């Protein structure tokens, strides 16, 4: 959604939705893709050019509605730009039909929250990404099963050919590495706090290689090159045989991911692949898999320099702050994970994959305290009328979405209230 004046934007969009000519264009777009006797849901994907949304929203739709409808039609705009990957929507499953449109207004309707409308010929689901995420979260917490993506044979074939081309031996495991750097969307300085220094990952990468893993790093073409590593470390965006379908293949077939909470992580999750998510910031509506390992960044008070405990982070409502400039206004500094922290989580994942260590072997008492603090915070979100209106009345870490890395729970006084 546009970052400025979103309230006015939504008001104008609601007015567009109410116009007969807008609905007529929507019907004309959808009608050729309906089949008699098939119960159909139509969903509008507003941000197909963002890899995270292109993977995340169809996964949530598939999980929530595929059992209730014979067909799900996704209406979206023509994708372009650094974050657009046309191969993602080829993996969502045979129950989906994707319809691209040149219409400038129809894709934007995906930002509206108007629930599900019975339009006789089809049901129209107008749900913002925030609402869809929240409803998916509640569904999973209630015990609902996740319906994952399916890798097409054509992408599987291309991916395996690439693995042979780079010389990866059959049977050698590989991981998917992603580090978001400031070079990605540099104009969005308010997202700079989400970035990390790939140089700090050297020890972790070397741990993987020493343990027999290949490392495939995905990202944007402006990212810092990975230099000085052995041939088992492949910067695929710089490889002459690179295609964006490789991002999809590697996410679907990796042993696990070693990534950050940026777009590609949603692709891993869509295929049900476990990940160690490092340099992670707190946010309300990020919903990792139950098996994911979470290494959070360090938060500090800008004035005193004091590192904040988890209760202090929640007391300041930090997970609800999504922009770097707003964090600065709140007096919050975010510090990256150290090379040692990253290396230790790499070792944890290696030992889990080899079967020599239980990945989730954390102190159960501390884990319960962590989640109990989250549950108390979630109650405050539900009591906030504005947050309820914005679909921000759900907190993933009040529930079993991922497990903090042992080193997080072992931070001195981290779970204590000063």
Foldseek 3Di string as FASTA:
>chain_A
DDPPPVVVVQVVLVVLVPDPVSVVVVCVQCVVPADPPWAEEEAAQQCQQALQSVLQLLQLCCQPPVVPTQAYEYEYEDYDDQRHDPCRVVFSDPRYDYGYDPDPNRNVQLQDQDAWDCPPRYIYGRHHPLQSLLVSLVCVQVPGDGDFTGDDPVLLVLLVVVCVVLPPDPPQAEEEEEFDACVVPVVQVQCRLQGDDCVLQVLLCVVQVVLRYAYEYEDGPPDDDDPDDDSSYHPQVPDPSDDSSNLLNNLQRHQAYEYAPGSSQSSNVRNPGEYAHFCYDAAARDFAALAHEYHYWWKAQQPPRHTAAPLVCLVLVVNHDDTNVVCVVSRIDTHGDGSVVSNVLSVLSSCVSVVNDDSQPADVVLLLLQLVSVVVSLVVLVVDPVSVVVSRSGGNSVGSRHGYGNVQSVPPCRSPDD
